[in-house]
Protein backbone atom coordinates (compact mmCIF):
# COMPACT_ATOMS: atom_id res chain seq x y z
CA UNK A 1 9.60 -32.01 5.53
CA UNK A 2 10.36 -35.67 5.23
CA UNK A 3 12.44 -36.46 9.08
CA UNK A 4 14.64 -39.54 9.91
CA UNK A 5 14.91 -39.88 13.91
CA UNK A 6 18.06 -42.18 15.11
CA UNK A 7 17.30 -44.58 17.95
CA UNK A 8 15.77 -46.40 20.07
CA UNK A 9 14.84 -45.94 23.21
CA UNK A 10 12.57 -43.88 25.76
CA UNK A 11 14.25 -40.79 24.02
CA UNK A 12 13.84 -41.57 21.17
CA UNK A 13 10.34 -42.02 21.33
CA UNK A 14 9.66 -38.69 23.11
CA UNK A 15 11.48 -37.15 20.37
CA UNK A 16 8.99 -38.67 17.33
CA UNK A 17 6.25 -38.11 19.64
CA UNK A 18 6.99 -34.62 19.65
CA UNK A 19 8.01 -33.79 15.87
CA UNK A 20 5.27 -35.79 14.46
CA UNK A 21 2.79 -33.06 16.43
CA UNK A 22 4.53 -30.79 13.63
CA UNK A 23 3.05 -28.93 10.75
CA UNK A 24 6.21 -29.02 9.63
CA UNK A 25 6.76 -32.83 9.41
CA UNK A 26 5.19 -34.69 6.21
CA UNK A 27 7.18 -38.15 6.69
CA UNK A 28 8.65 -39.59 9.43
CA UNK A 29 11.50 -42.89 9.55
CA UNK A 30 13.28 -44.38 13.10
CA UNK A 31 16.46 -46.26 13.13
CA UNK A 32 15.73 -49.05 14.54
CA UNK A 33 12.77 -47.21 16.92
CA UNK A 34 10.68 -49.59 18.83
CA UNK A 35 7.24 -51.23 18.87
CA UNK A 36 5.69 -47.73 20.43
CA UNK A 37 7.04 -45.89 17.94
CA UNK A 38 6.12 -47.50 15.38
CA UNK A 39 2.27 -46.70 16.74
CA UNK A 40 2.51 -42.79 16.76
CA UNK A 41 1.12 -40.85 13.26
CA UNK A 42 1.64 -37.31 11.92
CA UNK A 43 -0.66 -34.84 13.04
CA UNK A 44 -0.58 -32.76 9.33
CA UNK A 45 -1.25 -36.95 7.53
CA UNK A 46 -1.95 -39.09 10.14
CA UNK A 47 0.47 -41.14 8.11
CA UNK A 48 2.17 -43.88 10.36
CA UNK A 49 5.90 -43.00 11.55
CA UNK A 50 7.75 -46.03 9.82
CA UNK A 51 10.45 -48.24 12.03
CA UNK A 52 13.18 -49.67 9.89
CA UNK A 53 15.57 -52.10 10.45
CA UNK A 54 18.79 -50.63 10.74
CA UNK A 55 21.40 -49.87 13.88
CA UNK A 56 21.84 -46.73 15.37
CA UNK A 57 25.71 -47.59 15.25
CA UNK A 58 25.53 -48.59 11.84
CA UNK A 59 26.57 -45.50 10.23
CA UNK A 60 27.25 -46.82 6.00
CA UNK A 61 23.82 -48.49 6.26
CA UNK A 62 22.22 -45.21 7.45
CA UNK A 63 23.70 -43.17 5.27
CA UNK A 64 23.48 -45.43 2.60
CA UNK A 65 19.14 -44.98 4.06
CA UNK A 66 19.32 -41.22 3.87
CA UNK A 67 21.06 -41.33 0.59
CA UNK A 68 17.92 -43.43 -1.05
CA UNK A 69 15.24 -41.65 0.61
CA UNK A 70 16.17 -38.26 1.16
CA UNK A 71 15.43 -37.38 4.78
CA UNK A 72 15.77 -33.73 4.88
CA UNK A 73 17.00 -33.94 8.34
CA UNK A 74 17.95 -36.70 10.26
CA UNK A 75 17.45 -36.07 14.30
CA UNK A 76 20.49 -37.82 16.35
CA UNK A 77 19.08 -39.44 19.74
CA UNK A 78 22.17 -41.16 21.20
CA UNK A 79 25.20 -40.85 21.93
CA UNK A 80 27.50 -43.21 20.54
CA UNK A 81 26.17 -42.33 16.97
CA UNK A 82 27.65 -38.92 17.84
CA UNK A 83 30.67 -40.30 19.14
CA UNK A 84 31.51 -42.06 16.12
CA UNK A 85 30.83 -38.93 14.05
CA UNK A 86 27.92 -39.48 11.84
CA UNK A 87 27.35 -35.86 11.78
CA UNK A 88 30.81 -35.15 10.27
CA UNK A 89 29.98 -38.44 7.39
CA UNK A 90 26.37 -37.37 7.26
CA UNK A 91 27.60 -33.44 6.02
CA UNK A 92 31.02 -34.92 4.55
CA UNK A 93 27.27 -36.34 2.03
CA UNK A 94 26.01 -33.32 2.14
CA UNK A 95 23.31 -34.36 4.22
CA UNK A 96 21.14 -32.22 7.06
CA UNK A 97 21.71 -33.21 9.99
CA UNK A 98 20.80 -32.86 13.76
CA UNK A 99 23.99 -32.72 16.41
CA UNK A 100 27.35 -32.17 17.71
CA UNK A 101 30.25 -33.38 15.43
CA UNK A 102 32.78 -35.86 16.40
CA UNK A 103 34.93 -33.35 18.42
CA UNK A 104 31.83 -31.88 20.24
CA UNK A 105 30.68 -35.08 21.05
CA UNK A 106 34.05 -35.87 22.88
CA UNK A 107 32.37 -33.66 26.22
CA UNK A 108 30.62 -37.19 26.88
CA UNK A 109 32.77 -39.39 24.60
CA UNK A 110 35.38 -38.95 26.52
CA UNK A 111 35.93 -38.12 30.72
CA UNK A 112 39.16 -36.96 30.22
CA UNK A 113 38.54 -35.00 27.20
CA UNK A 114 35.87 -33.02 29.08
CA UNK A 115 37.76 -32.86 32.86
CA UNK A 116 40.89 -30.88 31.42
CA UNK A 117 38.72 -29.08 29.69
CA UNK A 118 36.64 -27.51 32.42
CA UNK A 119 40.30 -27.39 34.67
CA UNK A 120 41.11 -25.06 31.50
CA UNK A 121 38.28 -22.63 31.13
CA UNK A 122 37.68 -22.36 35.32
CA UNK A 123 34.30 -24.80 34.78
CA UNK A 124 33.46 -25.38 38.21
CA UNK A 125 34.31 -29.24 38.72
CA UNK A 126 35.60 -31.40 41.03
CA UNK A 127 39.28 -32.19 42.15
CA UNK A 128 40.01 -34.74 39.28
CA UNK A 129 42.80 -36.45 37.14
CA UNK A 130 43.10 -39.07 34.84
CA UNK A 131 44.86 -41.88 34.60
CA UNK A 132 45.89 -45.43 32.21
CA UNK A 133 47.22 -47.39 35.38
CA UNK A 134 46.86 -48.42 38.33
CA UNK A 135 49.37 -47.68 40.94
CA UNK A 136 49.26 -43.53 40.50
CA UNK A 137 45.24 -44.03 40.27
CA UNK A 138 45.44 -46.13 43.42
CA UNK A 139 47.79 -43.25 45.20
CA UNK A 140 45.43 -40.42 43.78
CA UNK A 141 42.59 -41.69 45.01
CA UNK A 142 44.19 -42.39 48.58
CA UNK A 143 44.67 -38.77 48.50
CA UNK A 144 40.74 -38.72 48.70
CA UNK A 145 40.76 -41.10 51.32
CA UNK A 146 38.69 -43.20 48.58
CA UNK A 147 35.90 -41.30 48.34
CA UNK A 148 35.52 -40.59 44.71
CA UNK A 149 33.71 -41.67 42.16
CA UNK A 150 35.87 -43.24 39.41
CA UNK A 151 34.74 -43.08 35.56
CA UNK A 152 35.67 -44.66 32.48
CA UNK A 153 36.56 -42.58 29.85
CA UNK A 154 34.74 -43.65 26.99
CA UNK A 155 31.06 -44.37 26.46
CA UNK A 156 29.55 -47.24 28.71
CA UNK A 157 25.04 -46.82 28.31
CA UNK A 158 25.47 -44.38 30.70
CA UNK A 159 26.86 -47.27 33.40
CA UNK A 160 30.40 -46.30 33.30
CA UNK A 161 30.47 -44.83 36.79
CA UNK A 162 31.35 -46.46 40.32
CA UNK A 163 30.78 -44.62 43.55
CA UNK A 164 33.74 -44.97 46.12
CA UNK A 165 33.09 -44.68 49.90
CA UNK A 166 36.01 -45.80 51.29
CA UNK A 167 39.30 -46.08 50.10
CA UNK A 168 39.05 -50.37 49.84
CA UNK A 169 35.83 -49.60 46.61
CA UNK A 170 37.94 -46.96 45.70
CA UNK A 171 40.31 -49.96 44.73
CA UNK A 172 37.91 -52.40 44.08
CA UNK A 173 36.60 -50.33 40.88
CA UNK A 174 39.97 -49.17 39.74
CA UNK A 175 40.79 -52.98 39.49
CA UNK A 176 37.65 -53.42 37.46
CA UNK A 177 38.21 -51.05 34.81
CA UNK A 178 41.91 -51.35 34.76
CA UNK A 179 42.74 -54.77 35.43
CA UNK A 180 39.83 -56.33 34.90
CA UNK A 181 37.94 -54.26 32.07
CA UNK A 182 34.54 -54.66 33.26
CA UNK A 183 33.45 -51.23 30.70
CA UNK A 184 36.54 -53.03 27.33
CA UNK A 185 37.37 -50.27 25.86
CA UNK A 186 35.79 -47.32 27.55
CA UNK A 187 37.78 -48.33 30.45
CA UNK A 188 41.41 -47.97 29.58
CA UNK A 189 41.57 -44.90 30.36
CA UNK A 190 39.54 -43.65 34.22
CA UNK A 191 39.16 -40.14 35.58
CA UNK A 192 38.90 -40.24 39.06
CA UNK A 193 36.27 -37.74 40.66
CA UNK A 194 36.64 -36.11 44.20
CA UNK A 195 32.66 -37.35 45.79
CA UNK A 196 30.63 -34.18 45.74
CA UNK A 197 27.69 -33.83 48.27
CA UNK A 198 24.66 -32.17 47.61
CA UNK A 199 21.72 -31.97 45.32
CA UNK A 200 22.13 -33.34 41.69
CA UNK A 201 19.95 -31.73 39.08
CA UNK A 202 19.86 -31.99 35.30
CA UNK A 203 20.84 -28.84 33.06
CA UNK A 204 19.84 -29.15 29.42
CA UNK A 205 21.28 -25.98 26.87
CA UNK A 206 19.93 -26.23 23.22
CA UNK A 207 22.85 -24.77 20.90
CA UNK A 208 23.79 -23.81 17.83
CA UNK A 209 27.02 -22.81 18.12
CA UNK A 210 26.48 -19.06 18.86
CA UNK A 211 24.44 -18.49 22.10
CA UNK A 212 22.52 -21.20 24.39
CA UNK A 213 18.99 -21.84 25.37
CA UNK A 214 18.75 -23.28 29.11
CA UNK A 215 15.82 -25.45 29.94
CA UNK A 216 14.25 -25.99 33.53
CA UNK A 217 16.32 -27.88 35.12
CA UNK A 218 15.56 -31.51 36.11
CA UNK A 219 16.28 -34.01 38.27
CA UNK A 220 17.21 -37.78 37.35
CA UNK A 221 17.30 -40.67 39.81
CA UNK A 222 19.89 -43.19 39.27
CA UNK A 223 19.90 -45.50 42.23
CA UNK A 224 17.81 -48.82 40.89
CA UNK A 225 16.25 -48.99 43.88
CA UNK A 226 13.84 -46.40 46.16
CA UNK A 227 16.34 -44.08 48.75
CA UNK A 228 18.93 -43.89 46.12
CA UNK A 229 19.89 -47.25 46.92
CA UNK A 230 21.66 -49.49 44.92
CA UNK A 231 23.62 -49.83 41.45
CA UNK A 232 23.86 -46.93 38.67
CA UNK A 233 21.24 -47.12 35.88
CA UNK A 234 21.02 -45.55 32.85
CA UNK A 235 18.18 -43.93 34.95
CA UNK A 236 14.60 -44.68 36.88
CA UNK A 237 12.93 -41.46 36.72
CA UNK A 238 12.91 -37.88 36.56
CA UNK A 239 10.34 -34.72 37.10
CA UNK A 240 11.39 -31.31 35.93
CA UNK A 241 11.07 -28.45 36.92
CA UNK A 242 12.61 -28.72 40.21
CA UNK A 243 11.17 -26.54 42.98
CA UNK A 244 13.90 -25.95 45.04
CA UNK A 245 15.64 -24.12 42.05
CA UNK A 246 14.80 -20.49 41.72
CA UNK A 247 15.04 -18.54 38.79
CA UNK A 248 17.52 -16.70 40.03
CA UNK A 249 19.88 -19.59 41.11
CA UNK A 250 19.22 -20.92 37.63
CA UNK A 251 20.79 -17.69 35.90
CA UNK A 252 24.01 -18.11 38.27
CA UNK A 253 24.66 -21.31 37.33
CA UNK A 254 23.93 -20.52 33.67
CA UNK A 255 26.44 -18.04 34.10
CA UNK A 256 28.93 -19.59 35.81
CA UNK A 257 28.86 -23.04 33.65
CA UNK A 258 27.31 -22.08 30.92
CA UNK A 259 29.47 -19.06 29.87
CA UNK A 260 32.60 -20.35 30.44
CA UNK A 261 32.09 -23.44 28.60
CA UNK A 262 30.63 -21.52 25.12
CA UNK A 263 33.75 -19.06 25.65
CA UNK A 264 35.65 -21.87 25.88
CA UNK A 265 33.97 -23.26 22.88
CA UNK A 266 34.98 -20.87 20.35
CA UNK A 267 38.44 -20.98 21.73
CA UNK A 268 39.05 -24.10 20.64
CA UNK A 269 37.32 -24.14 17.70
CA UNK A 270 34.78 -26.08 19.07
CA UNK A 271 31.26 -25.46 16.91
CA UNK A 272 28.64 -27.49 18.77
CA UNK A 273 25.28 -27.44 17.85
CA UNK A 274 22.92 -29.64 19.41
CA UNK A 275 22.20 -30.05 23.32
CA UNK A 276 24.06 -29.85 25.62
CA UNK A 277 23.23 -31.55 29.00
CA UNK A 278 25.68 -30.78 31.86
CA UNK A 279 25.20 -32.66 35.41
CA UNK A 280 25.57 -30.83 38.11
CA UNK A 281 25.75 -31.02 42.11
CA UNK A 282 24.56 -28.45 44.11
CA UNK A 283 27.13 -28.65 46.59
CA UNK A 284 27.06 -26.27 49.91
CA UNK A 285 30.18 -24.28 47.86
CA UNK A 286 28.43 -23.65 44.69
CA UNK A 287 26.91 -25.81 41.60
CA UNK A 288 29.45 -27.97 40.32
CA UNK A 289 29.76 -29.59 36.67
CA UNK A 290 29.61 -33.86 37.72
CA UNK A 291 29.85 -34.59 34.04
CA UNK A 292 28.55 -33.49 30.00
CA UNK A 293 26.15 -35.72 28.04
CA UNK A 294 26.51 -34.17 24.52
CA UNK A 295 22.60 -35.35 23.31
CA UNK A 296 19.42 -34.78 25.47
CA UNK A 297 18.72 -36.75 28.22
CA UNK A 298 17.08 -39.89 29.05
CA UNK A 299 13.97 -40.08 30.52
CA UNK A 300 14.67 -36.32 31.19
CA UNK A 301 13.53 -35.79 27.35
CA UNK A 302 10.06 -37.81 29.03
CA UNK A 303 9.88 -34.54 30.89
CA UNK A 304 11.36 -31.75 28.90
CA UNK A 305 9.07 -32.37 25.49
CA UNK A 306 5.27 -32.86 26.95
CA UNK A 307 5.79 -29.61 28.57
CA UNK A 308 7.77 -27.74 25.60
CA UNK A 309 5.06 -25.70 23.67
CA UNK A 310 7.48 -24.54 20.93
CA UNK A 311 7.61 -26.27 17.24
CA UNK A 312 10.24 -29.55 17.72
CA UNK A 313 11.29 -29.42 13.96
CA UNK A 314 11.67 -25.52 13.97
CA UNK A 315 13.85 -25.15 16.56
CA UNK A 316 16.13 -28.46 15.67
CA UNK A 317 16.07 -26.00 12.14
CA UNK A 318 17.27 -23.01 14.28
CA UNK A 319 20.22 -25.07 15.88
CA UNK A 320 21.44 -26.91 13.09
CA UNK A 321 21.03 -23.29 11.23
CA UNK A 322 22.21 -20.54 13.63
CA UNK A 323 19.69 -19.07 13.86
CA UNK A 324 18.85 -19.74 18.04
CA UNK A 325 19.00 -16.19 18.71
CA UNK A 326 15.53 -15.80 17.44
CA UNK A 327 13.64 -18.36 19.53
CA UNK A 328 12.54 -18.25 23.13
CA UNK A 329 11.69 -21.49 24.56
CA UNK A 330 8.15 -21.82 25.90
CA UNK A 331 6.65 -24.22 28.70
CA UNK A 332 3.82 -25.07 29.68
CA UNK A 333 2.92 -24.58 33.57
CA UNK A 334 2.61 -27.30 36.19
CA UNK A 335 5.21 -30.34 36.35
CA UNK A 336 5.78 -33.76 34.73
CA UNK A 337 6.75 -37.44 35.94
CA UNK A 338 8.00 -39.99 34.69
CA UNK A 339 8.33 -43.52 36.29
CA UNK A 340 10.64 -46.08 34.59
CA UNK A 341 9.00 -49.82 34.83
CA UNK A 342 12.39 -52.05 33.99
CA UNK A 343 13.16 -55.74 33.52
CA UNK A 344 13.94 -56.96 36.90
CA UNK A 345 17.60 -57.90 37.30
CA UNK A 346 17.78 -54.32 35.87
CA UNK A 347 21.43 -52.64 35.29
CA UNK A 348 22.41 -56.71 35.01
CA UNK A 349 20.76 -59.49 33.61
CA UNK A 350 17.14 -59.85 32.56
CA UNK A 351 14.94 -61.40 30.36
CA UNK A 352 12.88 -60.68 27.55
CA UNK A 353 9.74 -61.33 25.83
CA UNK A 354 8.06 -60.27 28.39
CA UNK A 355 3.86 -59.56 27.24
CA UNK A 356 3.05 -56.27 28.78
CA UNK A 357 -0.98 -55.39 29.44
CA UNK A 358 -2.42 -51.53 30.36
CA UNK A 359 -0.90 -50.18 27.58
CA UNK A 360 -4.40 -49.54 25.82
CA UNK A 361 -6.16 -48.10 28.93
CA UNK A 362 -3.24 -45.50 29.27
CA UNK A 363 -3.04 -44.48 26.15
CA UNK A 364 -6.31 -43.15 26.80
CA UNK A 365 -5.85 -40.95 29.49
CA UNK A 366 -5.09 -37.33 29.30
CA UNK A 367 -2.08 -35.95 29.93
CA UNK A 368 -0.29 -38.88 30.80
CA UNK A 369 1.89 -40.53 27.73
CA UNK A 370 3.75 -44.20 27.82
CA UNK A 371 6.76 -43.76 26.35
CA UNK A 372 8.63 -47.00 24.90
CA UNK A 373 11.67 -47.58 25.46
CA UNK A 374 12.78 -51.02 25.51
CA UNK A 375 9.89 -53.18 23.52
CA UNK A 376 9.01 -54.97 20.62
CA UNK A 377 5.74 -56.72 18.89
CA UNK A 378 4.89 -60.06 18.86
CA UNK A 379 2.15 -61.25 16.65
CA UNK A 380 -0.33 -59.00 18.19
CA UNK A 381 1.48 -58.88 21.63
CA UNK A 382 3.89 -55.42 22.65
CA UNK A 383 6.82 -57.32 25.07
CA UNK A 384 9.53 -55.97 26.94
CA UNK A 385 12.66 -56.23 25.15
CA UNK A 386 15.68 -53.98 27.10
CA UNK A 387 16.40 -52.92 30.80
CA UNK A 388 15.04 -50.12 30.33
CA UNK A 389 11.29 -50.94 29.19
CA UNK A 390 8.62 -47.99 29.35
CA UNK A 391 8.77 -44.23 30.56
CA UNK A 392 5.79 -44.04 31.91
CA UNK A 393 5.13 -39.79 31.82
CA UNK A 394 2.22 -37.32 33.44
CA UNK A 395 1.43 -34.29 33.90
CA UNK A 396 -0.90 -32.06 35.97
CA UNK A 397 -0.13 -28.49 37.72
CA UNK A 398 2.05 -29.41 40.32
CA UNK A 399 4.96 -32.16 41.16
CA UNK A 400 2.49 -34.53 43.88
CA UNK A 401 0.02 -34.28 41.27
CA UNK A 402 2.24 -35.31 38.07
CA UNK A 403 3.64 -37.61 40.83
CA UNK A 404 -0.04 -39.18 41.59
CA UNK A 405 -1.13 -39.45 37.92
CA UNK A 406 2.02 -41.00 36.67
CA UNK A 407 1.81 -43.61 39.09
CA UNK A 408 -2.02 -44.87 38.90
CA UNK A 409 -0.77 -45.54 35.61
CA UNK A 410 1.48 -47.53 36.37
CA UNK A 411 0.25 -49.14 38.57
CA UNK A 412 -2.56 -50.21 35.30
CA UNK A 413 0.59 -51.58 33.52
CA UNK A 414 1.96 -55.22 34.77
CA UNK A 415 4.11 -56.91 32.91
CA UNK A 416 6.15 -60.37 34.82
CA UNK A 417 8.80 -59.02 37.05
CA UNK A 418 8.35 -55.18 36.36
CA UNK A 419 10.80 -53.28 38.29
CA UNK A 420 10.54 -49.82 39.43
CA UNK A 421 11.46 -47.12 41.96
CA UNK A 422 7.92 -45.69 44.24
CA UNK A 423 9.95 -42.22 44.64
CA UNK A 424 10.63 -40.57 41.89
CA UNK A 425 10.11 -37.31 43.20
CA UNK A 426 9.22 -37.83 46.56
CA UNK A 427 12.66 -36.07 48.32
CA UNK A 428 11.85 -32.90 46.40
CA UNK A 429 7.82 -32.52 48.16
CA UNK A 430 9.61 -33.44 51.60
CA UNK A 431 11.84 -30.75 51.29
């Protein structure tokens, strides 16, 4: 099979890496890819993955490429092309593509849609309301005592949430979005959600429109600095599975959250084929959905795929064809940990073009994989080219050993002003 993967981050590198291991894969393109993706080889024939200079949001260009090269399957990584309707476009032209269509992608593309869906179908979530005007938004925030999350309705690169602890912060957040427009069109409407207290986990479910297969839970670390301080980012590291969530509790979450979601989709005529990734807060009163994502999480993908024993090509094909009920997900024992190495200044402004060293040495280590997120090749060197630069992943028999291995690798990799958290997974060990 010839495969086209769309995207350029750590999630897409992990997808390409796993897909390349399948005996079904005979050629892989990635648009636009990155320096790490361009070094991957296919297990079936040792051919190199080809990166294509097309933006993930250049839908006409991607369609033209698919029409000319005729991949047997296109795999969509990021949220923006899904929200823009790339699946609908490809399907109209008879191209086989994996990911939710535009109607289904609304779960991530519109916080307002997702909130109304949860309220309608009794899915446990926070008290919330949607606004386009400042005055009623501030009045609602006041009823919550200012303790709320102010969320841009649309897609904002995983950063469209401002967490507020008091009314002053809430009013400032509302003004930033509705008055100052810091998130552009994505923030023309906002959702204000009561601030939930508890432990946050990431769920992932592979769906084929009729059934779903739940992944083990993972835990992302969104804040930029240790001890969950600083601004929200797209994710500074993650681990899976989480030791504090039992199999029985995971089944309860599935019953309370995933089953009514699937019934709601059927009632609304939503054929959801792809990954659904709800963020869950484990509160004293039970699990509650914080938000939905309509694609694999990043960096969660980087801890899931090293542990996944199934052939990923076969799973994605079953998701498209509605035959997922014939498959059970199989996982390697142990734990995987991913530590994100970011550019200094991220998630704010940062410099590019910093030379990265140590990658070749770490590449030879067992049970360790460096997934590239924001990298480029400059002559014979790999340099930084984004905010999140690398996802340094290791897997071992338990969380402590996996953490030690991941940070051992991090300490071997260097680039100027590299920034990373030192506490990925630490709280779960102490708990």
